[in-house]
Amino acid sequence: MSSTPISTSARFRISDRLEQVGFSDIVQIRNKVMDLRAQGVQVHQYEGGEPYLATPDHIKDAMSRALRDNKTRYAPSSGVMELRQAIAKKVSERNGIPAKVEDVIVVNGGMQGLFGSFQTVLNPGDEVLMFSPFWTPIKDLIVYSQAKPVFVSTEEARQNGIAETLAKYSNPRTRAIYYNTPQNPSGVVFTRTDAEAVAKFVRDRDMIVFSDEAYEDLVYDGDHVSIASLPEMFERTLSCFTLSKSYSMTGWRVGYVVAKEPWMTGLRKTTLYSTNGVSTPSQWAALAALATPIEFFAEMRAAYRKRRDLMVNGLNSLGLKCPMPPGAFYAFPEVTRIDRDSRRAASHLLEIAQVATVPGIVFGQHGEGHLRFSFSTSPENIKAGLDSMKKNL
């Protein structure tokens, strides 16, 4: 019995725009870690990007209540009204963004918010300035929009002047800036002065900002400044938020975008024709999350600061030069003494010390020579990994 031959024609291939989009190296690293653990090897895992805390009980209880109360039917694709009202209140009071409920849409995590934002604004051939090193999916999200990412060294911008450096990489095709603070992977936090410099540059050139504020509640030194809160910036900024990091809700997949028209119309369309909204019970849990007492964040930051100091001081004691990150939960040391190639450095650490990290090159050319260590883990695991490195390096 003959089988049907597999077609090799040009028709049997994915779209050109997806051909240009890759998969995350971090997934491949995670697979290597899983293989080692399956062999019974203890691995000190610093490669992840999840909070070490469990989702708070009051959020889980709200989900249970929603299920018991049969709040399981379709919600409006833009989100449950009570949640959108709470988000508008939160960003107005805590972020200084003068949003109304019509300026808010609930999405499936920060990723869908960013995806929808890029799809809403960008046209083929547009260019997007993005500070580098950068969170890896951003490049591919821009490429999927058939636009071009242009990488601007964060270090160069802060040394030589933000406006001057952005101007160096701009041209008539430059449409927007991707603005992330605190930054993943470096933990850099842009100050109010930095934000004002970016805002002036954007206003002078009539550009748009994609503001990624995933780590807004994890700033240890200084303050978090939402760029949309600055004069004349709300109307030209799409501010993307997630509940993943602030409330330890990574698997719940709830986030939101705050923006004015015409951007909101585009965001509603990208949400409607992709997921048609967010899980209804999850939205009621998100409403409970936003009611979390403000003291929760101070306690959370104190716990992360303790881990940060332990990790960074330990790395520096091993000769791996590492600045103290003012935000997020990553350390980003220079590791050229191990190997100038960050992929080889990461492999070497995993093989000889059973320490899992992420190569800096994954975050763009400006990340080469570094490794990303997450300190979102127990102090005991941080100490154990540092001890293993001390014995084996």
Protein backbone atom coordinates (compact mmCIF):
# COMPACT_ATOMS: atom_id res chain seq x y z
CA MET A 1 0.00 0.00 0.00
CA SER A 2 1.64 3.23 -1.11
CA SER A 3 1.63 6.30 1.04
CA THR A 4 0.88 9.76 -0.24
CA PRO A 5 4.16 11.55 -1.00
CA ILE A 6 4.95 14.69 0.95
CA SER A 7 4.73 17.71 -1.28
CA THR A 8 7.88 19.77 -1.70
CA SER A 9 6.17 22.53 -3.62
CA ALA A 10 6.46 26.16 -2.60
CA ARG A 11 2.84 26.03 -1.49
CA PHE A 12 3.79 23.80 1.44
CA ARG A 13 5.76 26.30 3.47
CA ILE A 14 4.91 28.74 6.21
CA SER A 15 4.44 32.43 5.44
CA ASP A 16 7.45 34.59 4.66
CA ARG A 17 6.86 36.76 7.72
CA LEU A 18 7.09 33.71 10.00
CA GLU A 19 10.20 32.41 8.24
CA GLN A 20 12.00 35.45 9.65
CA VAL A 21 10.86 34.73 13.23
CA GLY A 22 12.90 32.42 15.46
CA PHE A 23 12.38 30.43 18.64
CA SER A 24 13.72 31.36 22.05
CA ASP A 25 17.21 30.13 23.00
CA ILE A 26 15.99 30.07 26.59
CA VAL A 27 13.68 27.16 25.75
CA GLN A 28 16.67 25.21 24.44
CA ILE A 29 18.60 25.91 27.65
CA ARG A 30 15.63 24.75 29.70
CA ASN A 31 15.57 21.50 27.72
CA LYS A 32 19.27 20.87 28.54
CA VAL A 33 18.54 21.46 32.21
CA MET A 34 15.65 19.01 32.11
CA ASP A 35 17.90 16.37 30.49
CA LEU A 36 20.49 16.77 33.26
CA ARG A 37 17.85 16.57 35.97
CA ALA A 38 16.43 13.43 34.35
CA GLN A 39 19.92 11.92 34.75
CA GLY A 40 19.80 12.70 38.47
CA VAL A 41 22.12 15.72 38.30
CA GLN A 42 21.35 18.57 40.69
CA VAL A 43 21.23 21.81 38.69
CA HIS A 44 21.32 25.29 40.20
CA GLN A 45 18.81 27.07 37.99
CA TYR A 46 19.28 30.77 37.36
CA GLU A 47 18.00 30.80 33.79
CA GLY A 48 14.31 31.37 34.50
CA GLY A 49 12.22 34.51 34.48
CA GLU A 50 9.54 33.67 37.04
CA PRO A 51 8.92 35.06 40.51
CA TYR A 52 9.97 32.69 43.29
CA LEU A 53 6.81 33.57 45.26
CA ALA A 54 3.60 31.60 44.90
CA THR A 55 0.48 33.43 43.74
CA PRO A 56 -1.03 35.07 46.87
CA ASP A 57 -3.95 33.19 48.41
CA HIS A 58 -6.44 36.06 48.06
CA ILE A 59 -5.99 35.94 44.28
CA LYS A 60 -6.49 32.19 44.13
CA ASP A 61 -9.54 32.53 46.39
CA ALA A 62 -11.03 35.08 43.97
CA MET A 63 -10.65 32.59 41.13
CA SER A 64 -12.42 29.92 43.20
CA ARG A 65 -15.28 32.32 43.96
CA ALA A 66 -15.63 33.17 40.29
CA LEU A 67 -15.94 29.49 39.46
CA ARG A 68 -18.46 28.86 42.22
CA ASP A 69 -20.49 31.87 41.11
CA ASN A 70 -20.49 30.62 37.51
CA LYS A 71 -18.56 33.62 36.22
CA THR A 72 -17.35 31.46 33.37
CA ARG A 73 -19.14 32.79 30.32
CA TYR A 74 -17.75 35.03 27.62
CA ALA A 75 -16.64 38.41 28.89
CA PRO A 76 -16.46 41.48 26.63
CA SER A 77 -13.39 41.02 24.43
CA SER A 78 -11.85 44.21 25.88
CA GLY A 79 -12.24 42.87 29.42
CA VAL A 80 -14.60 42.74 32.38
CA MET A 81 -15.79 46.29 33.09
CA GLU A 82 -14.99 46.15 36.83
CA LEU A 83 -11.41 45.10 36.05
CA ARG A 84 -10.92 47.81 33.44
CA GLN A 85 -12.22 50.40 35.89
CA ALA A 86 -9.75 49.16 38.53
CA ILE A 87 -6.90 49.29 36.02
CA ALA A 88 -7.77 52.86 35.02
CA LYS A 89 -7.76 53.83 38.70
CA LYS A 90 -4.46 52.04 39.34
CA VAL A 91 -2.52 53.60 36.45
CA SER A 92 -3.94 57.03 37.26
CA GLU A 93 -2.97 56.88 40.93
CA ARG A 94 0.25 54.85 40.82
CA ASN A 95 1.65 55.49 37.35
CA GLY A 96 0.46 59.04 36.80
CA ILE A 97 -1.21 58.11 33.50
CA PRO A 98 -4.56 59.97 33.15
CA ALA A 99 -6.43 56.97 31.75
CA LYS A 100 -10.16 56.44 31.58
CA VAL A 101 -11.85 53.08 31.27
CA GLU A 102 -12.10 53.42 27.49
CA ASP A 103 -8.29 53.67 27.36
CA VAL A 104 -7.83 50.18 28.88
CA ILE A 105 -7.90 46.72 27.32
CA VAL A 106 -7.27 43.42 29.13
CA VAL A 107 -5.00 40.97 27.29
CA ASN A 108 -3.45 37.52 27.73
CA GLY A 109 -0.27 38.61 29.47
CA GLY A 110 2.28 41.20 28.51
CA MET A 111 3.22 39.26 25.37
CA GLN A 112 -0.20 39.68 23.76
CA GLY A 113 -0.18 43.32 24.74
CA LEU A 114 3.14 43.89 23.00
CA PHE A 115 2.11 41.79 20.00
CA GLY A 116 -1.10 43.78 19.58
CA SER A 117 0.72 47.08 20.06
CA PHE A 118 3.28 46.37 17.35
CA GLN A 119 0.60 45.09 14.98
CA THR A 120 -1.49 48.20 15.64
CA VAL A 121 1.21 50.77 14.91
CA LEU A 122 3.79 49.31 12.53
CA ASN A 123 3.70 49.10 8.76
CA PRO A 124 6.10 47.13 6.53
CA GLY A 125 9.41 48.97 6.30
CA ASP A 126 8.99 51.00 9.49
CA GLU A 127 11.96 51.05 11.84
CA VAL A 128 11.81 50.73 15.64
CA LEU A 129 14.60 51.91 17.92
CA MET A 130 15.16 49.58 20.86
CA PHE A 131 17.65 49.83 23.68
CA SER A 132 20.02 46.87 23.79
CA PRO A 133 20.58 44.35 25.33
CA PHE A 134 16.87 43.58 25.10
CA TRP A 135 14.26 40.98 26.02
CA THR A 136 14.61 38.43 23.23
CA PRO A 137 11.02 38.20 21.86
CA ILE A 138 10.88 41.92 21.04
CA LYS A 139 13.04 41.60 17.94
CA ASP A 140 10.84 38.84 16.58
CA LEU A 141 7.61 40.65 17.41
CA ILE A 142 8.84 43.61 15.38
CA VAL A 143 10.01 41.41 12.51
CA TYR A 144 6.65 39.63 12.50
CA SER A 145 5.11 43.08 11.95
CA GLN A 146 7.35 43.32 8.86
CA ALA A 147 9.19 46.21 10.44
CA LYS A 148 12.90 46.52 11.25
CA PRO A 149 14.38 46.60 14.77
CA VAL A 150 17.32 48.98 15.21
CA PHE A 151 19.50 48.26 18.24
CA VAL A 152 20.75 51.14 20.37
CA SER A 153 23.28 50.37 23.09
CA THR A 154 21.86 51.37 26.48
CA GLU A 155 25.39 51.90 27.77
CA GLU A 156 26.26 54.18 24.84
CA ALA A 157 23.04 56.16 25.29
CA ARG A 158 23.64 56.77 28.98
CA GLN A 159 27.29 57.68 28.45
CA ASN A 160 26.94 59.89 25.37
CA GLY A 161 23.45 61.31 25.87
CA ILE A 162 20.15 59.65 25.10
CA ALA A 163 18.92 62.16 22.51
CA GLU A 164 22.27 62.29 20.73
CA THR A 165 22.53 58.51 20.58
CA LEU A 166 18.95 57.98 19.41
CA ALA A 167 19.48 60.59 16.70
CA LYS A 168 22.54 58.67 15.49
CA TYR A 169 20.39 55.61 14.77
CA SER A 170 17.32 57.42 13.42
CA ASN A 171 16.26 58.13 9.85
CA PRO A 172 13.03 59.10 8.06
CA ARG A 173 11.75 55.50 8.35
CA THR A 174 12.00 55.51 12.16
CA ARG A 175 8.43 55.24 13.46
CA ALA A 176 8.71 54.26 17.11
CA ILE A 177 10.81 53.40 20.17
CA TYR A 178 10.52 50.30 22.32
CA TYR A 179 11.08 51.56 25.87
CA ASN A 180 11.55 49.01 28.67
CA THR A 181 12.20 49.94 32.29
CA PRO A 182 13.30 48.19 34.44
CA GLN A 183 15.16 46.37 31.72
CA ASN A 184 15.40 42.65 31.10
CA PRO A 185 18.18 41.34 31.12
CA SER A 186 20.36 44.03 32.72
CA GLY A 187 18.10 45.39 35.47
CA VAL A 188 18.81 48.96 34.31
CA VAL A 189 16.19 51.47 35.43
CA PHE A 190 15.69 54.61 33.37
CA THR A 191 15.47 57.68 35.59
CA ARG A 192 12.96 60.50 35.24
CA THR A 193 15.68 62.51 33.48
CA ASP A 194 16.22 59.62 31.05
CA ALA A 195 12.48 59.35 30.42
CA GLU A 196 12.20 63.08 29.79
CA ALA A 197 15.05 62.89 27.26
CA VAL A 198 13.34 60.05 25.39
CA ALA A 199 10.00 61.86 25.53
CA LYS A 200 11.44 65.07 24.08
CA PHE A 201 13.13 63.12 21.31
CA VAL A 202 9.85 61.38 20.48
CA ARG A 203 7.76 64.57 20.54
CA ASP A 204 10.26 66.46 18.38
CA ARG A 205 10.10 63.74 15.72
CA ASP A 206 6.40 62.87 16.04
CA MET A 207 7.12 59.26 16.99
CA ILE A 208 5.32 56.55 18.99
CA VAL A 209 6.48 54.72 22.14
CA PHE A 210 5.90 51.09 23.10
CA SER A 211 6.37 51.16 26.85
CA ASP A 212 7.03 47.74 28.44
CA GLU A 213 6.52 48.02 32.21
CA ALA A 214 6.54 44.35 33.23
CA TYR A 215 8.86 44.97 36.19
CA GLU A 216 7.31 48.22 37.39
CA ASP A 217 7.03 47.01 41.01
CA LEU A 218 10.58 45.69 41.20
CA VAL A 219 12.64 48.87 41.48
CA TYR A 220 15.11 48.85 44.38
CA ASP A 221 17.01 52.07 43.75
CA GLY A 222 15.09 55.12 42.53
CA ASP A 223 11.52 55.22 41.24
CA HIS A 224 9.61 53.72 38.36
CA VAL A 225 8.55 56.42 35.89
CA SER A 226 5.88 55.62 33.29
CA ILE A 227 6.79 57.59 30.18
CA ALA A 228 3.09 58.06 29.34
CA SER A 229 2.78 60.19 32.48
CA LEU A 230 5.02 62.90 31.00
CA PRO A 231 3.55 65.93 29.18
CA GLU A 232 2.04 65.19 25.76
CA MET A 233 3.11 61.54 25.92
CA PHE A 234 -0.11 59.69 26.78
CA GLU A 235 -1.54 60.11 23.29
CA ARG A 236 1.61 58.75 21.63
CA THR A 237 2.38 55.85 24.04
CA LEU A 238 1.05 52.31 24.20
CA SER A 239 1.80 51.23 27.79
CA CYS A 240 1.97 47.46 28.27
CA PHE A 241 1.62 45.89 31.71
CA THR A 242 1.43 42.36 33.07
CA LEU A 243 0.34 40.84 36.37
CA SER A 244 2.96 38.10 35.96
CA LYS A 245 5.86 39.62 37.89
CA SER A 246 4.12 41.92 40.39
CA TYR A 247 1.67 39.29 41.62
CA SER A 248 3.47 36.02 40.77
CA MET A 249 0.83 35.21 38.16
CA THR A 250 2.99 34.05 35.24
CA GLY A 251 0.76 31.11 34.35
CA TRP A 252 -2.48 33.05 34.66
CA ARG A 253 -1.75 35.01 31.47
CA VAL A 254 -3.32 38.33 32.36
CA GLY A 255 -2.04 41.75 31.36
CA TYR A 256 -3.36 45.02 30.05
CA VAL A 257 -2.56 47.85 27.68
CA VAL A 258 -3.33 51.51 28.28
CA ALA A 259 -3.54 53.74 25.21
CA LYS A 260 -5.61 56.46 23.53
CA GLU A 261 -7.27 56.33 20.14
CA PRO A 262 -6.56 55.42 17.42
CA TRP A 263 -4.35 52.80 19.08
CA MET A 264 -7.16 51.33 21.18
CA THR A 265 -9.19 50.47 18.09
CA GLY A 266 -6.23 48.52 16.71
CA LEU A 267 -5.69 46.75 20.03
CA ARG A 268 -9.35 45.74 20.18
CA LYS A 269 -9.11 44.27 16.70
CA THR A 270 -5.92 42.30 17.36
CA THR A 271 -7.44 40.89 20.56
CA LEU A 272 -10.84 40.14 19.03
CA TYR A 273 -9.38 38.24 16.09
CA SER A 274 -6.74 36.32 18.02
CA THR A 275 -8.12 35.22 21.40
CA ASN A 276 -11.42 37.13 21.59
CA GLY A 277 -10.51 38.11 25.12
CA VAL A 278 -9.10 36.69 28.35
CA SER A 279 -10.36 33.84 30.55
CA THR A 280 -13.29 35.27 32.52
CA PRO A 281 -12.45 33.67 35.91
CA SER A 282 -8.86 34.86 35.55
CA GLN A 283 -10.09 38.42 35.15
CA TRP A 284 -11.96 38.26 38.45
CA ALA A 285 -8.76 36.97 40.05
CA ALA A 286 -6.92 39.89 38.45
CA LEU A 287 -9.41 42.29 40.02
CA ALA A 288 -8.50 40.86 43.43
CA ALA A 289 -4.80 41.22 42.58
CA LEU A 290 -5.19 44.93 41.93
CA ALA A 291 -6.76 45.29 45.38
CA THR A 292 -3.58 43.93 47.02
CA PRO A 293 -2.42 46.24 49.85
CA ILE A 294 0.50 48.46 48.86
CA GLU A 295 2.56 47.05 51.77
CA PHE A 296 2.83 43.79 49.83
CA PHE A 297 5.19 45.38 47.32
CA ALA A 298 7.53 46.81 49.94
CA GLU A 299 7.87 43.36 51.51
CA MET A 300 8.38 41.75 48.10
CA ARG A 301 11.09 44.24 47.12
CA ALA A 302 12.89 43.70 50.43
CA ALA A 303 12.97 39.95 49.82
CA TYR A 304 14.28 40.41 46.27
CA ARG A 305 16.85 42.98 47.42
CA LYS A 306 18.25 40.44 49.87
CA ARG A 307 18.62 37.91 47.06
CA ARG A 308 20.05 40.51 44.68
CA ASP A 309 22.76 41.53 47.12
CA LEU A 310 23.66 37.92 47.85
CA MET A 311 23.93 37.02 44.16
CA VAL A 312 25.76 40.13 42.96
CA ASN A 313 28.25 40.24 45.83
CA GLY A 314 28.93 36.54 45.29
CA LEU A 315 29.53 36.97 41.55
CA ASN A 316 31.91 39.88 42.14
CA SER A 317 33.83 37.84 44.71
CA LEU A 318 34.38 35.23 41.98
CA GLY A 319 35.88 37.86 39.69
CA LEU A 320 32.80 38.16 37.52
CA LYS A 321 32.33 41.92 37.36
CA CYS A 322 28.68 42.70 38.00
CA PRO A 323 27.03 46.06 38.70
CA MET A 324 24.22 46.11 41.24
CA PRO A 325 20.99 46.09 39.18
CA PRO A 326 18.52 48.75 40.38
CA GLY A 327 15.50 46.85 39.06
CA ALA A 328 13.99 43.51 37.88
CA PHE A 329 15.39 40.25 39.25
CA TYR A 330 18.42 39.59 37.07
CA ALA A 331 22.16 40.01 37.47
CA PHE A 332 24.13 40.48 34.24
CA PRO A 333 27.84 39.98 34.97
CA GLU A 334 30.70 40.15 32.50
CA VAL A 335 32.04 36.61 32.12
CA THR A 336 34.88 36.98 29.61
CA ARG A 337 37.29 35.42 32.10
CA ILE A 338 35.33 32.18 31.58
CA ASP A 339 34.97 32.61 27.81
CA ARG A 340 34.47 35.61 25.54
CA ASP A 341 31.74 33.65 23.75
CA SER A 342 28.73 33.77 26.09
CA ARG A 343 27.21 30.57 24.69
CA ARG A 344 30.39 28.66 25.48
CA ALA A 345 30.59 30.35 28.88
CA ALA A 346 27.04 29.24 29.71
CA SER A 347 27.71 25.68 28.52
CA HIS A 348 30.92 25.57 30.54
CA LEU A 349 29.17 26.66 33.74
CA LEU A 350 26.38 24.15 33.21
CA GLU A 351 28.82 21.29 32.57
CA ILE A 352 31.39 21.90 35.30
CA ALA A 353 29.35 23.61 38.03
CA GLN A 354 25.79 22.56 37.18
CA VAL A 355 24.81 26.24 37.07
CA ALA A 356 22.19 27.16 34.45
CA THR A 357 22.28 30.70 33.04
CA VAL A 358 21.34 32.45 29.80
CA PRO A 359 24.04 33.57 27.33
CA GLY A 360 24.17 37.33 26.91
CA ILE A 361 24.24 37.09 23.11
CA VAL A 362 20.63 35.84 23.30
CA PHE A 363 19.74 39.43 24.27
CA GLY A 364 21.50 40.96 21.28
CA GLN A 365 25.05 41.85 20.31
CA HIS A 366 25.38 44.30 23.21
CA GLY A 367 24.86 41.41 25.61
CA GLU A 368 27.80 39.37 24.38
CA GLY A 369 30.41 38.62 27.02
CA HIS A 370 27.75 38.46 29.75
CA LEU A 371 25.45 35.88 31.30
CA ARG A 372 22.02 36.48 32.81
CA PHE A 373 21.55 35.09 36.31
CA SER A 374 18.07 35.23 37.82
CA PHE A 375 18.10 35.77 41.57
CA SER A 376 14.41 34.94 41.79
CA THR A 377 15.10 31.81 43.79
CA SER A 378 15.83 30.84 47.38
CA PRO A 379 18.89 32.26 49.17
CA GLU A 380 19.95 28.65 49.76
CA ASN A 381 19.96 27.95 46.02
CA ILE A 382 21.92 31.14 45.34
CA LYS A 383 24.55 30.16 47.95
CA ALA A 384 24.77 26.59 46.64
CA GLY A 385 25.30 27.73 43.07
CA LEU A 386 27.94 30.27 44.06
CA ASP A 387 29.73 27.61 46.12
CA SER A 388 29.71 25.24 43.15
CA MET A 389 31.15 27.96 40.91
CA LYS A 390 33.83 28.77 43.48
CA LYS A 391 34.93 25.13 43.60
CA ASN A 392 34.89 24.54 39.86
CA LEU A 393 35.89 27.77 38.14
